[in-house]
Amino acid sequence: MTALTADATAGRAPRARNRYLAGLLTGRGLTGLALVGVVALAGLLAPLLTDLDPNAQSALALAGPSAEHPFGTDDLGRDLFSRVLHGITTDLLLVFGAVPAGALLGSALALLAASHRWADVAVQRSFDLVLAFPGLILALAVTAVLGPGRWPVFIVIALAEVPGFGRQLRAGILVQREREYALAARVGGASRRRVLLRHVVPNAVDPLIVQTAVALAIGVFIEGGMSFLGLGVRPPEPTLGSILSQSVGYLDTHPTFAAVPLAATTALVLGFTLIAEALNRGIRR
């Protein structure tokens, strides 16, 4: 019996890593990594790529691309190249902070639901409650209480991701704990908690890897939408969504104003989506 439980977890990590790596090395995976990598690297290297203050105004409002301003300037004469690079940094900091927070909270609730029958119904109804609110309504509710800023964006992204991670892990646990190795561990005298944490959970987390990539794409959408509507990071701090919002009135006369932040947002969302698809195919092999 104990040998069976050991076989269930022995070698699992190397096999899982091999599946993830095989998925990422496909065309979709490499394309997604390239898109996200280029945009993220540009944001991280913003202080080295430009020495212009992203919030410094000038008389050169809505200037076209030039040697001094590669992407031109916005309606207040601020350098678009600098603002987009710093906007990418702001977006990624928020998304890469909020998504893990949502994943941890969702996973903790899933473990609670799997450990105690009395908690399962309450946890599932809490997930339903969050899912009942569209992202925009959730953003409006949080912003109405806290006002616009970084923390409301962080909270909305995290809350929006909790049901996805929670339901994925709960479903995996329900499947894995009925497998032979879990039954063998219980018959061998292992406690319910030990079986759950030692054997079941490590074999139920694979879908969470894919869910993380999907959640990152959704997080970029949420931040962009909130900033576009004026519910996100407060100006003059740049984000991709706020730059897009400012460019709406100049789409016909200065298309570069909107094209650059839109391209960066599209690259991030498409990149994370392709990574998720590649990982999903790798896991299913």
Protein backbone atom coordinates (compact mmCIF):
# COMPACT_ATOMS: atom_id res chain seq x y z
CA MET A 1 0.00 0.00 0.00
CA THR A 2 2.71 2.46 1.00
CA ALA A 3 4.68 1.63 -2.15
CA LEU A 4 1.65 2.59 -4.22
CA THR A 5 1.42 6.00 -2.58
CA ALA A 6 5.12 6.57 -3.10
CA ASP A 7 4.81 5.70 -6.78
CA ALA A 8 2.05 8.26 -7.14
CA THR A 9 4.33 11.13 -6.20
CA ALA A 10 7.79 9.82 -7.09
CA GLY A 11 8.99 11.31 -10.33
CA ARG A 12 5.87 13.47 -10.66
CA ALA A 13 7.76 16.76 -10.56
CA PRO A 14 10.23 15.81 -13.32
CA ARG A 15 7.39 14.50 -15.50
CA ALA A 16 5.35 17.66 -14.91
CA ARG A 17 8.34 19.87 -15.71
CA ASN A 18 8.93 17.93 -18.90
CA ARG A 19 5.30 18.42 -19.98
CA TYR A 20 5.40 22.13 -19.23
CA LEU A 21 8.70 22.52 -21.08
CA ALA A 22 7.43 20.52 -24.05
CA GLY A 23 4.39 22.77 -24.27
CA LEU A 24 6.38 25.99 -24.03
CA LEU A 25 8.80 24.87 -26.73
CA THR A 26 6.04 24.64 -29.32
CA GLY A 27 5.32 27.44 -31.78
CA ARG A 28 2.56 28.88 -29.62
CA GLY A 29 4.63 28.75 -26.48
CA LEU A 30 7.70 30.36 -27.98
CA THR A 31 5.62 33.07 -29.65
CA GLY A 32 3.86 33.83 -26.37
CA LEU A 33 7.12 33.92 -24.43
CA ALA A 34 8.66 36.22 -27.04
CA LEU A 35 5.72 38.66 -26.96
CA VAL A 36 5.58 38.84 -23.16
CA GLY A 37 9.37 38.87 -22.85
CA VAL A 38 9.89 41.78 -25.24
CA VAL A 39 7.19 43.93 -23.62
CA ALA A 40 8.25 43.06 -20.06
CA LEU A 41 11.91 43.67 -20.83
CA ALA A 42 11.07 47.07 -22.31
CA GLY A 43 9.24 48.00 -19.13
CA LEU A 44 12.00 46.75 -16.84
CA LEU A 45 14.66 48.63 -18.81
CA ALA A 46 12.64 51.86 -18.96
CA PRO A 47 15.18 53.87 -16.90
CA LEU A 48 17.95 52.77 -19.27
CA LEU A 49 16.00 53.23 -22.51
CA THR A 50 14.93 56.80 -21.82
CA ASP A 51 15.95 59.53 -19.40
CA LEU A 52 12.82 61.62 -19.97
CA ASP A 53 10.39 62.08 -17.10
CA PRO A 54 7.09 60.41 -18.13
CA ASN A 55 5.15 63.14 -16.33
CA ALA A 56 7.11 66.17 -17.57
CA GLN A 57 4.92 68.45 -19.69
CA SER A 58 6.13 70.60 -22.56
CA ALA A 59 4.85 72.92 -25.28
CA LEU A 60 5.20 70.15 -27.90
CA ALA A 61 1.66 68.83 -27.53
CA LEU A 62 0.69 66.04 -29.95
CA ALA A 63 4.04 66.19 -31.75
CA GLY A 64 4.80 63.43 -34.21
CA PRO A 65 7.60 60.88 -33.87
CA SER A 66 11.09 62.38 -33.85
CA ALA A 67 14.62 61.60 -32.68
CA GLU A 68 13.90 63.14 -29.29
CA HIS A 69 10.41 61.63 -29.00
CA PRO A 70 10.35 58.27 -30.88
CA PHE A 71 6.58 57.84 -30.41
CA GLY A 72 5.75 61.54 -30.34
CA THR A 73 4.05 63.33 -27.45
CA ASP A 74 0.58 63.28 -25.89
CA ASP A 75 -1.93 66.11 -25.55
CA LEU A 76 0.06 67.63 -22.67
CA GLY A 77 3.43 67.40 -24.41
CA ARG A 78 4.63 64.39 -22.41
CA ASP A 79 6.91 61.90 -24.11
CA LEU A 80 4.87 58.87 -25.21
CA PHE A 81 7.86 56.54 -25.37
CA SER A 82 8.67 57.18 -21.71
CA ARG A 83 5.03 57.02 -20.62
CA VAL A 84 4.38 53.72 -22.40
CA LEU A 85 7.51 52.10 -20.94
CA HIS A 86 6.67 53.21 -17.41
CA GLY A 87 3.03 52.26 -17.99
CA ILE A 88 4.12 48.72 -18.86
CA THR A 89 6.06 48.56 -15.59
CA THR A 90 3.05 49.73 -13.58
CA ASP A 91 0.74 47.23 -15.29
CA LEU A 92 3.08 44.28 -14.77
CA LEU A 93 3.73 45.12 -11.12
CA LEU A 94 -0.01 45.18 -10.45
CA VAL A 95 -0.80 42.03 -12.42
CA PHE A 96 2.12 39.96 -11.12
CA GLY A 97 1.24 40.99 -7.58
CA ALA A 98 -2.54 40.58 -7.71
CA VAL A 99 -2.75 37.28 -9.61
CA PRO A 100 -0.62 35.31 -7.09
CA ALA A 101 -2.65 36.87 -4.27
CA GLY A 102 -5.88 35.69 -5.91
CA ALA A 103 -4.34 32.27 -6.54
CA LEU A 104 -3.29 31.85 -2.91
CA LEU A 105 -6.69 32.93 -1.57
CA GLY A 106 -8.58 30.73 -4.04
CA SER A 107 -6.35 27.74 -3.29
CA ALA A 108 -6.74 28.23 0.47
CA LEU A 109 -10.52 28.29 0.12
CA ALA A 110 -10.40 25.18 -2.06
CA LEU A 111 -8.37 23.35 0.61
CA LEU A 112 -10.85 24.47 3.25
CA ALA A 113 -13.74 23.19 1.13
CA ALA A 114 -12.02 19.86 0.55
CA SER A 115 -11.12 19.42 4.22
CA HIS A 116 -14.50 20.17 5.78
CA ARG A 117 -17.86 19.28 4.31
CA TRP A 118 -19.57 22.07 6.23
CA ALA A 119 -17.29 24.61 4.53
CA ASP A 120 -17.73 23.28 0.99
CA VAL A 121 -21.17 24.80 0.44
CA ALA A 122 -20.14 28.15 1.92
CA VAL A 123 -17.00 28.33 -0.23
CA GLN A 124 -18.86 27.40 -3.41
CA ARG A 125 -21.53 30.03 -2.74
CA SER A 126 -18.84 32.64 -2.14
CA PHE A 127 -17.35 31.79 -5.53
CA ASP A 128 -20.80 32.11 -7.10
CA LEU A 129 -21.24 35.50 -5.45
CA VAL A 130 -18.02 36.85 -6.94
CA LEU A 131 -18.82 35.39 -10.36
CA ALA A 132 -22.27 36.99 -10.24
CA PHE A 133 -20.65 40.42 -10.49
CA PRO A 134 -19.21 41.29 -13.92
CA GLY A 135 -15.71 42.72 -13.76
CA LEU A 136 -16.93 46.27 -14.38
CA ILE A 137 -19.53 46.10 -11.60
CA LEU A 138 -16.96 44.65 -9.22
CA ALA A 139 -14.55 47.45 -10.14
CA LEU A 140 -17.23 50.09 -9.58
CA ALA A 141 -18.13 48.62 -6.19
CA VAL A 142 -14.54 48.49 -4.96
CA THR A 143 -13.73 51.95 -6.31
CA ALA A 144 -16.87 53.41 -4.71
CA VAL A 145 -15.53 52.30 -1.32
CA LEU A 146 -11.79 52.92 -1.73
CA GLY A 147 -11.64 55.47 -4.54
CA PRO A 148 -9.38 55.13 -7.61
CA GLY A 149 -5.78 54.07 -7.19
CA ARG A 150 -3.39 51.13 -7.21
CA TRP A 151 -4.99 49.20 -4.34
CA PRO A 152 -8.48 49.07 -5.87
CA VAL A 153 -6.99 47.67 -9.10
CA PHE A 154 -5.00 45.13 -7.10
CA ILE A 155 -8.06 44.07 -5.10
CA VAL A 156 -10.34 43.77 -8.14
CA ILE A 157 -7.84 41.63 -10.06
CA ALA A 158 -7.23 39.40 -7.04
CA LEU A 159 -10.93 38.95 -6.28
CA ALA A 160 -11.74 38.23 -9.92
CA GLU A 161 -9.18 35.41 -9.97
CA VAL A 162 -10.19 33.71 -6.71
CA PRO A 163 -13.10 31.61 -8.11
CA GLY A 164 -11.07 30.35 -11.07
CA PHE A 165 -8.18 29.07 -8.98
CA GLY A 166 -10.46 27.81 -6.22
CA ARG A 167 -12.72 25.80 -8.50
CA GLN A 168 -9.81 24.36 -10.49
CA LEU A 169 -8.04 23.10 -7.38
CA ARG A 170 -11.24 21.83 -5.74
CA ALA A 171 -12.16 19.85 -8.86
CA GLY A 172 -8.66 18.37 -9.02
CA ILE A 173 -8.78 17.37 -5.36
CA LEU A 174 -12.18 15.69 -5.76
CA VAL A 175 -10.82 13.60 -8.63
CA GLN A 176 -7.44 12.73 -7.09
CA ARG A 177 -8.64 11.74 -3.64
CA GLU A 178 -10.69 8.89 -5.16
CA ARG A 179 -7.65 7.44 -6.95
CA GLU A 180 -6.09 4.20 -5.76
CA TYR A 181 -2.99 5.78 -4.27
CA ALA A 182 -5.08 8.07 -2.03
CA LEU A 183 -7.29 5.18 -0.91
CA ALA A 184 -4.17 3.11 -0.24
CA ALA A 185 -2.68 5.86 1.92
CA ARG A 186 -5.85 6.08 4.01
CA VAL A 187 -5.98 2.30 4.43
CA GLY A 188 -2.31 2.41 5.45
CA GLY A 189 -3.19 4.66 8.38
CA ALA A 190 -2.33 8.11 7.03
CA SER A 191 -4.49 10.91 8.37
CA ARG A 192 -6.94 12.67 6.10
CA ARG A 193 -4.92 15.89 6.26
CA ARG A 194 -1.68 14.10 5.40
CA VAL A 195 -3.27 12.34 2.43
CA LEU A 196 -4.64 15.65 1.20
CA LEU A 197 -1.46 17.69 1.53
CA ARG A 198 1.15 15.00 0.84
CA HIS A 199 -0.44 13.04 -1.99
CA VAL A 200 -3.63 14.60 -3.38
CA VAL A 201 -2.74 18.28 -3.73
CA PRO A 202 0.62 17.74 -5.53
CA ASN A 203 -1.25 15.72 -8.15
CA ALA A 204 -4.09 18.23 -8.48
CA VAL A 205 -2.16 21.45 -9.16
CA ASP A 206 -1.38 20.96 -12.85
CA PRO A 207 -4.44 22.92 -14.06
CA LEU A 208 -3.39 25.85 -11.87
CA ILE A 209 -0.31 26.39 -14.03
CA VAL A 210 -2.51 26.97 -17.07
CA GLN A 211 -4.95 29.01 -14.97
CA THR A 212 -2.11 31.32 -13.94
CA ALA A 213 -1.31 32.23 -17.54
CA VAL A 214 -5.00 32.82 -18.26
CA ALA A 215 -5.31 34.92 -15.10
CA LEU A 216 -2.39 37.12 -16.13
CA ALA A 217 -4.10 37.90 -19.44
CA ILE A 218 -7.35 38.69 -17.62
CA GLY A 219 -5.45 40.88 -15.17
CA VAL A 220 -4.05 42.99 -17.99
CA PHE A 221 -7.59 43.40 -19.33
CA ILE A 222 -8.95 44.44 -15.93
CA GLU A 223 -6.21 46.99 -15.28
CA GLY A 224 -6.60 48.44 -18.76
CA GLY A 225 -10.37 48.66 -18.43
CA MET A 226 -10.30 50.28 -15.00
CA SER A 227 -7.67 52.84 -16.02
CA PHE A 228 -9.51 53.53 -19.28
CA LEU A 229 -12.64 54.39 -17.29
CA GLY A 230 -10.74 56.47 -14.74
CA LEU A 231 -11.16 53.90 -11.96
CA GLY A 232 -7.55 52.75 -11.87
CA VAL A 233 -4.17 54.26 -11.08
CA ARG A 234 -4.46 57.98 -10.52
CA PRO A 235 -2.94 60.39 -13.02
CA PRO A 236 -0.37 61.58 -13.82
CA GLU A 237 1.14 58.12 -13.17
CA PRO A 238 1.01 56.36 -16.55
CA THR A 239 -0.63 53.02 -17.30
CA LEU A 240 -1.46 51.52 -20.67
CA GLY A 241 -5.18 51.91 -20.03
CA SER A 242 -4.95 55.56 -19.02
CA ILE A 243 -2.85 56.43 -22.08
CA LEU A 244 -5.46 54.76 -24.29
CA SER A 245 -8.20 56.72 -22.57
CA GLN A 246 -6.40 60.00 -23.23
CA SER A 247 -5.90 59.12 -26.89
CA VAL A 248 -9.58 58.55 -27.75
CA GLY A 249 -10.19 62.14 -28.85
CA TYR A 250 -7.23 62.10 -31.23
CA LEU A 251 -7.65 58.80 -33.07
CA ASP A 252 -8.22 60.46 -36.46
CA THR A 253 -5.46 63.07 -36.25
CA HIS A 254 -2.76 61.35 -34.14
CA PRO A 255 -3.18 57.56 -34.45
CA THR A 256 0.26 56.90 -32.91
CA PHE A 257 -1.07 58.22 -29.62
CA ALA A 258 -3.32 55.16 -29.32
CA ALA A 259 -1.42 52.66 -31.46
CA VAL A 260 1.60 52.26 -29.18
CA PRO A 261 -0.18 51.49 -25.85
CA LEU A 262 -2.71 49.37 -27.74
CA ALA A 263 0.09 47.34 -29.32
CA ALA A 264 1.75 46.79 -25.93
CA THR A 265 -1.55 45.71 -24.33
CA THR A 266 -2.36 43.39 -27.23
CA ALA A 267 1.10 41.82 -27.09
CA LEU A 268 0.76 41.08 -23.36
CA VAL A 269 -2.74 39.62 -23.60
CA LEU A 270 -1.95 37.59 -26.71
CA GLY A 271 1.34 36.40 -25.25
CA PHE A 272 -0.18 35.16 -22.00
CA THR A 273 -3.03 33.50 -23.93
CA LEU A 274 -0.60 31.65 -26.20
CA ILE A 275 1.43 30.54 -23.19
CA ALA A 276 -1.74 29.20 -21.56
CA GLU A 277 -2.68 27.27 -24.70
CA ALA A 278 0.83 25.83 -25.00
CA LEU A 279 0.90 24.74 -21.36
CA ASN A 280 -2.55 23.19 -21.67
CA ARG A 281 -1.47 21.15 -24.67
CA GLY A 282 1.69 20.07 -22.88
CA ILE A 283 -0.24 18.87 -19.82
CA ARG A 284 -2.67 16.88 -21.98
CA ARG A 285 0.09 14.98 -23.76
